[in-house]
Each structure stands twice: as C-alpha cells, then as structure tokens.
Amino acid sequence: MKKPIMAIMYDFDKTLSVQDMQNYDFIPALGMTPAEFWGATDSFAKKHGIEKILSYMYMMILKTREKGIDMTEEWLNSLGRNIKFYSGVTTWFHRINEYGLAHGLQVEHYLISSGTKEIVDGCSIAKEFKAIYGCQFLFDDKTKLPIWPKLAINYTQKTQYFFRVSKGAIDISEDAEVNAKTPNRRVPYKNMVYLGDGMTDVPIMILVRQNGGHSIAVYKPGEKDKVIDLFNDERVDYVCRADYSAGSPLESVLKLIIDSIYINNALDRKRETLSK
C-alpha cells in the first residue's frame, strides 16, 4: 500500500540559516555592511514605491554592476557554500525522514523563501528539498547576467505554495493545475507543517493552521519574545528554539506531529474497513 505523504515546509533566512543568506558572502563582496545594503533597499523601495522583495532584487543587480561584479547564476550559487545553519539542521532531514518511514509516512521537505533561490541552490542542504521556491532571476543566454525577475515571492505570495504542495502542482509555470478543483489531494492539509521565524511568515502560518495542519514559529536562542505573540494570538501552534539537534524540543514536537498523523491515518483506514 502506498504510504501517506507528509509535507514539511520551511522558510530559510533565520529559520534554518542563522542570518539572511545575502549577509554571508554577497553583501561583503559589495564592500557594504548588511545594515547599509538593507537600508539602501528600504530607501529605494520607499522612494519609488516598489515592493520590498522586488527592491532588493533590483539592488542586487545595481550594486553588483557598480562594483564591476558579474552576477551570474554560477557566482550566486557559489555564495551558498558558507551559509551557517542552526545546530542540527544538516542532519535533521535524514532523522525526520527515518522517523516518518518508521511510522508509515513518506516525509517530503519544501523550501518557500523570499530569499534568493540561486544562492540557496549552492548551499549544503539544497539537496534535501523536493522543491525550492525562492526569488529567481532570468539570465541572458549570452551575457549570463540577470535581465528580469523570473520569480518574486513576498510574504502573502507564500500562501500559493501551500496549495501547490498539497495538490502536487510543483511546476510554477502551471497555473491551471494549482487553480483546479482537486478532491483527492496528493498531500492532505492535515499532513502539512510550516516552520518560520516571525511576522513575514504569518499569512502562510495562519493558512496552514486554519486548514488542519501545524504551524511552528522558531526563534534564535534568547529571542523568544519575538515570536511568543504569534502563539498568544493563535497564529501558530508551537514556538520552539531554533535547535534542530537530536532530542531538542523542536524535534520532539515534529515527532509528536508525525505520531498524530500516523494515528489519524490508522483511524481513517479502520473507519473505512468497518463501513464496508
């Protein structure tokens, strides 16, 4: 019998990685500090009335041109190598997959980030995701330089990927499939989990929770105050320290969720058997 699927969806910056992905190698290559780059991005957005995600993508192009850097896809990929992750992240996926299999579940991992996909593609955990959704550039075939935003994901746009994952409509160019009525979803809503670090994840956290899934807000050690309101306001089900190590509270919560999905699936099968 085919195993039920459980989907775990993640934000990236400050959820899996300790800080914004651009802060590691991209911004230093410009000769700027993170405060200078993100400050310039915010000022540009306000001056021209540009959505902030598109603003940062434009600023990446502008600042690399000013610095004489060829911002090719390959160069951006190389910037993912030095990203630092929270404790336990690199072994987390294997541990959770194995626990899922032991409980009759196929666990899949999805990344839904407003960060730069080309940078994520070069990091050590990229291979762990069934799909990576992030902001992308369209590159010129000849110059290999970016000429247009291929995909921009802001905070509310993250919500469409909840439906894509549930329906198995993985290809972002496929609109008909994600909008079609789908009685038999590949991943039931109740088998879905979202992990994020704060207010920018609120729309999808609420959506997952309201549809019977589970939302978890993670926080940097010592910064629980930044997410506790999400729990108090019933926007998330759990708040956990961003520690993905074996035996951590976060791992314990995920394992309990897997247990609950396993039990619910067993009850569903029993109900079907008894009704025949």
Protein backbone atom coordinates (compact mmCIF):
# COMPACT_ATOMS: atom_id res chain seq x y z
CA MET A 1 0.00 0.00 0.00
CA LYS A 2 1.26 3.46 -0.90
CA LYS A 3 2.49 5.45 2.09
CA PRO A 4 0.65 8.66 3.02
CA ILE A 5 2.73 11.78 2.38
CA MET A 6 3.64 14.37 4.99
CA ALA A 7 4.95 17.73 3.75
CA ILE A 8 7.15 19.97 5.90
CA MET A 9 7.54 23.49 4.51
CA TYR A 10 10.25 25.89 5.66
CA ASP A 11 11.24 29.49 5.48
CA PHE A 12 15.02 29.84 5.10
CA ASP A 13 16.52 33.06 6.48
CA LYS A 14 16.65 32.96 10.30
CA THR A 15 14.58 29.77 10.25
CA LEU A 16 17.22 27.33 9.01
CA SER A 17 20.12 29.76 8.47
CA VAL A 18 21.34 31.92 11.34
CA GLN A 19 21.01 35.16 9.35
CA ASP A 20 19.91 36.43 5.93
CA MET A 21 21.65 34.47 3.17
CA GLN A 22 22.96 37.63 1.47
CA ASN A 23 24.79 38.64 4.64
CA TYR A 24 27.38 35.86 4.39
CA ASP A 25 29.25 36.49 1.13
CA PHE A 26 27.10 38.59 -1.20
CA ILE A 27 26.99 41.85 0.75
CA PRO A 28 30.66 41.70 1.83
CA ALA A 29 31.59 41.27 -1.86
CA LEU A 30 29.99 44.68 -2.45
CA GLY A 31 32.12 46.27 0.24
CA MET A 32 28.97 47.02 2.25
CA THR A 33 27.61 46.01 5.64
CA PRO A 34 24.22 44.30 5.93
CA ALA A 35 22.81 47.46 7.51
CA GLU A 36 23.99 49.53 4.55
CA PHE A 37 22.63 47.17 1.89
CA TRP A 38 19.25 46.56 3.51
CA GLY A 39 18.98 50.24 4.40
CA ALA A 40 19.59 51.19 0.77
CA THR A 41 16.98 48.62 -0.29
CA ASP A 42 14.36 50.08 2.06
CA SER A 43 15.13 53.65 0.96
CA PHE A 44 14.87 52.69 -2.71
CA ALA A 45 11.54 50.95 -2.10
CA LYS A 46 10.08 53.97 -0.32
CA LYS A 47 11.40 56.48 -2.85
CA HIS A 48 9.97 54.66 -5.88
CA GLY A 49 7.00 52.87 -4.33
CA ILE A 50 8.46 49.46 -5.12
CA GLU A 51 7.53 46.28 -3.29
CA LYS A 52 10.44 45.41 -0.99
CA ILE A 53 11.21 42.00 -2.45
CA LEU A 54 11.49 43.45 -5.96
CA SER A 55 13.51 46.31 -4.49
CA TYR A 56 16.15 44.01 -3.01
CA MET A 57 16.38 42.06 -6.26
CA TYR A 58 16.94 45.28 -8.19
CA MET A 59 19.52 46.46 -5.67
CA MET A 60 21.43 43.20 -6.08
CA ILE A 61 21.71 43.92 -9.80
CA LEU A 62 22.51 47.61 -9.31
CA LYS A 63 25.19 47.17 -6.66
CA THR A 64 26.99 44.35 -8.46
CA ARG A 65 27.10 46.46 -11.63
CA GLU A 66 28.51 49.40 -9.67
CA LYS A 67 31.15 47.10 -8.18
CA GLY A 68 32.01 45.51 -11.54
CA ILE A 69 30.88 42.04 -10.43
CA ASP A 70 29.28 39.69 -12.97
CA MET A 71 26.26 38.42 -11.07
CA THR A 72 25.90 35.15 -12.94
CA GLU A 73 23.88 32.20 -11.72
CA GLU A 74 27.11 30.29 -11.09
CA TRP A 75 28.54 33.11 -8.98
CA LEU A 76 25.35 33.30 -6.90
CA ASN A 77 25.43 29.52 -6.43
CA SER A 78 28.94 29.82 -5.03
CA LEU A 79 27.70 32.20 -2.33
CA GLY A 80 25.67 29.44 -0.72
CA ARG A 81 28.71 27.48 0.42
CA ASN A 82 29.41 29.48 3.57
CA ILE A 83 25.87 29.79 4.90
CA LYS A 84 25.75 28.83 8.57
CA PHE A 85 22.80 26.85 9.86
CA TYR A 86 21.34 26.38 13.30
CA SER A 87 22.51 23.40 15.32
CA GLY A 88 21.34 20.07 13.91
CA VAL A 89 19.99 21.36 10.59
CA THR A 90 22.36 19.35 8.39
CA THR A 91 21.27 16.02 9.92
CA TRP A 92 17.66 16.99 10.63
CA PHE A 93 16.19 15.87 7.31
CA HIS A 94 17.55 12.34 7.49
CA ARG A 95 16.39 11.90 11.09
CA ILE A 96 12.87 13.15 10.38
CA ASN A 97 12.63 11.07 7.18
CA GLU A 98 13.63 7.92 9.06
CA TYR A 99 11.17 8.57 11.86
CA GLY A 100 8.42 9.15 9.31
CA LEU A 101 9.20 5.91 7.48
CA ALA A 102 9.11 4.02 10.78
CA HIS A 103 5.57 5.35 11.21
CA GLY A 104 4.39 4.53 7.70
CA LEU A 105 4.81 8.05 6.29
CA GLN A 106 6.75 9.43 3.34
CA VAL A 107 8.12 12.78 4.53
CA GLU A 108 8.87 15.48 1.95
CA HIS A 109 10.58 18.81 2.58
CA TYR A 110 9.84 22.06 0.72
CA LEU A 111 11.54 25.43 0.93
CA ILE A 112 9.39 28.55 0.49
CA SER A 113 11.61 31.61 0.81
CA SER A 114 11.67 35.28 -0.10
CA GLY A 115 15.44 34.90 -0.36
CA THR A 116 17.48 34.25 -3.49
CA LYS A 117 17.00 30.74 -4.92
CA GLU A 118 20.28 30.83 -6.81
CA ILE A 119 22.14 31.26 -3.52
CA VAL A 120 20.12 28.52 -1.79
CA ASP A 121 20.84 26.15 -4.69
CA GLY A 122 24.53 26.31 -3.76
CA CYS A 123 24.14 25.56 -0.05
CA SER A 124 24.82 22.22 1.61
CA ILE A 125 21.17 21.35 2.34
CA ALA A 126 19.66 22.19 -1.07
CA LYS A 127 19.54 18.50 -1.98
CA GLU A 128 17.21 17.79 0.94
CA PHE A 129 14.21 19.59 -0.58
CA LYS A 130 11.75 18.12 -3.05
CA ALA A 131 11.26 21.66 -4.34
CA ILE A 132 12.87 25.02 -3.61
CA TYR A 133 10.73 28.11 -4.14
CA GLY A 134 12.56 31.40 -3.89
CA CYS A 135 13.15 34.65 -5.72
CA GLN A 136 14.86 33.95 -9.05
CA PHE A 137 16.45 35.93 -11.84
CA LEU A 138 16.12 35.33 -15.57
CA PHE A 139 19.62 35.30 -17.07
CA ASP A 140 20.60 36.37 -20.58
CA ASP A 141 21.78 33.42 -22.68
CA LYS A 142 24.81 35.33 -23.98
CA THR A 143 25.99 37.57 -21.17
CA LYS A 144 24.82 35.19 -18.40
CA LEU A 145 23.72 38.27 -16.45
CA PRO A 146 20.25 38.86 -14.96
CA ILE A 147 17.78 40.70 -17.16
CA TRP A 148 14.44 40.22 -15.36
CA PRO A 149 12.92 38.82 -12.15
CA LYS A 150 11.91 35.28 -13.01
CA LEU A 151 10.08 34.81 -9.73
CA ALA A 152 9.49 37.06 -6.72
CA ILE A 153 7.95 35.68 -3.54
CA ASN A 154 6.76 38.10 -0.91
CA TYR A 155 5.08 37.24 2.36
CA THR A 156 1.49 36.83 1.14
CA GLN A 157 2.58 35.12 -2.09
CA LYS A 158 4.00 32.31 0.01
CA THR A 159 0.44 31.10 0.55
CA GLN A 160 0.03 29.80 -3.02
CA TYR A 161 2.76 27.25 -2.38
CA PHE A 162 0.69 25.69 0.38
CA PHE A 163 -1.84 24.75 -2.32
CA ARG A 164 0.84 23.78 -4.83
CA VAL A 165 2.42 21.35 -2.39
CA SER A 166 -0.94 19.90 -1.37
CA LYS A 167 -2.02 19.35 -4.99
CA GLY A 168 1.39 18.26 -6.25
CA ALA A 169 1.40 21.22 -8.67
CA ILE A 170 5.15 21.69 -8.30
CA ASP A 171 5.86 23.45 -11.63
CA ILE A 172 5.47 27.20 -11.03
CA SER A 173 4.58 27.82 -14.68
CA GLU A 174 1.48 25.63 -14.30
CA ASP A 175 -1.45 27.83 -13.25
CA ALA A 176 -4.33 25.61 -14.33
CA GLU A 177 -3.28 22.72 -12.13
CA VAL A 178 -2.92 24.78 -8.97
CA ASN A 179 -6.28 26.50 -9.50
CA ALA A 180 -8.22 23.39 -10.48
CA LYS A 181 -10.61 21.80 -8.01
CA THR A 182 -8.81 18.78 -6.60
CA PRO A 183 -10.92 16.46 -4.42
CA ASN A 184 -8.10 13.95 -3.90
CA ARG A 185 -5.05 15.94 -2.91
CA ARG A 186 -1.58 14.43 -3.05
CA VAL A 187 -0.88 15.77 0.45
CA PRO A 188 -3.89 16.33 2.72
CA TYR A 189 -3.88 19.66 4.53
CA LYS A 190 -3.78 17.87 7.89
CA ASN A 191 -0.45 16.28 6.87
CA MET A 192 1.26 19.63 6.32
CA VAL A 193 3.60 21.57 8.62
CA TYR A 194 5.13 25.04 8.23
CA LEU A 195 8.21 26.34 10.06
CA GLY A 196 9.02 30.06 10.04
CA ASP A 197 10.67 32.67 12.22
CA GLY A 198 8.25 35.54 12.51
CA MET A 199 5.85 38.11 11.15
CA THR A 200 6.85 37.66 7.50
CA ASP A 201 5.54 34.07 7.70
CA VAL A 202 2.22 34.92 9.34
CA PRO A 203 -0.08 34.58 6.27
CA ILE A 204 1.03 31.04 5.46
CA MET A 205 1.26 30.08 9.14
CA ILE A 206 -2.38 31.05 9.61
CA LEU A 207 -3.44 29.31 6.38
CA VAL A 208 -1.78 26.03 7.34
CA ARG A 209 -3.21 26.13 10.85
CA GLN A 210 -6.75 27.02 9.78
CA ASN A 211 -6.80 24.08 7.37
CA GLY A 212 -5.87 21.49 9.96
CA GLY A 213 -2.09 21.49 9.56
CA HIS A 214 0.52 22.63 12.06
CA SER A 215 2.48 25.89 12.20
CA ILE A 216 5.65 26.32 14.23
CA ALA A 217 7.48 29.56 14.96
CA VAL A 218 11.19 29.10 15.67
CA TYR A 219 13.34 31.66 17.42
CA LYS A 220 17.01 32.39 17.92
CA PRO A 221 18.16 31.41 21.42
CA GLY A 222 17.32 34.24 23.80
CA GLU A 223 14.77 35.86 21.45
CA LYS A 224 11.57 34.02 22.34
CA ASP A 225 9.88 37.37 22.93
CA LYS A 226 9.93 37.97 19.16
CA VAL A 227 7.55 35.09 18.46
CA ILE A 228 5.55 34.48 21.63
CA ASP A 229 2.81 36.87 20.46
CA LEU A 230 2.25 34.61 17.44
CA PHE A 231 1.34 31.83 19.87
CA ASN A 232 -0.72 34.06 22.16
CA ASP A 233 -2.66 35.37 19.14
CA GLU A 234 -3.28 31.78 17.95
CA ARG A 235 -1.38 32.26 14.72
CA VAL A 236 0.90 29.29 15.38
CA ASP A 237 0.53 26.03 17.28
CA TYR A 238 4.01 25.94 18.81
CA VAL A 239 7.03 28.13 19.46
CA CYS A 240 10.40 26.36 19.65
CA ARG A 241 14.02 27.40 19.91
CA ALA A 242 15.76 27.11 16.53
CA ASP A 243 17.64 24.00 17.58
CA TYR A 244 17.27 21.09 15.18
CA SER A 245 19.53 18.73 17.15
CA ALA A 246 18.52 15.20 18.08
CA GLY A 247 16.39 15.27 21.21
CA SER A 248 15.66 19.00 21.00
CA PRO A 249 12.16 20.32 21.83
CA LEU A 250 11.67 21.10 18.14
CA GLU A 251 12.46 17.53 17.11
CA SER A 252 10.16 16.25 19.86
CA VAL A 253 7.28 18.38 18.54
CA LEU A 254 7.82 17.15 14.96
CA LYS A 255 7.90 13.55 16.10
CA LEU A 256 4.66 14.01 18.03
CA ILE A 257 3.07 15.52 14.91
CA ILE A 258 4.24 12.50 12.91
CA ASP A 259 2.76 10.25 15.62
CA SER A 260 -0.57 12.06 15.38
CA ILE A 261 -0.66 11.83 11.57
CA TYR A 262 0.11 8.12 11.79
CA ILE A 263 -2.68 7.54 14.33
CA ASN A 264 -5.21 9.61 12.37
CA ASN A 265 -4.39 7.72 9.17
CA ALA A 266 -4.78 4.40 11.02
CA LEU A 267 -8.16 5.53 12.35
CA ASP A 268 -9.26 6.58 8.86
CA ARG A 269 -8.36 3.16 7.48
CA LYS A 270 -10.18 1.42 10.31
CA ARG A 271 -13.27 3.56 9.72
CA GLU A 272 -13.27 2.63 6.02
CA THR A 273 -12.88 -1.07 6.84
CA LEU A 274 -15.71 -1.08 9.35
CA SER A 275 -18.05 0.74 6.99
CA LYS A 276 -17.81 -1.89 4.28
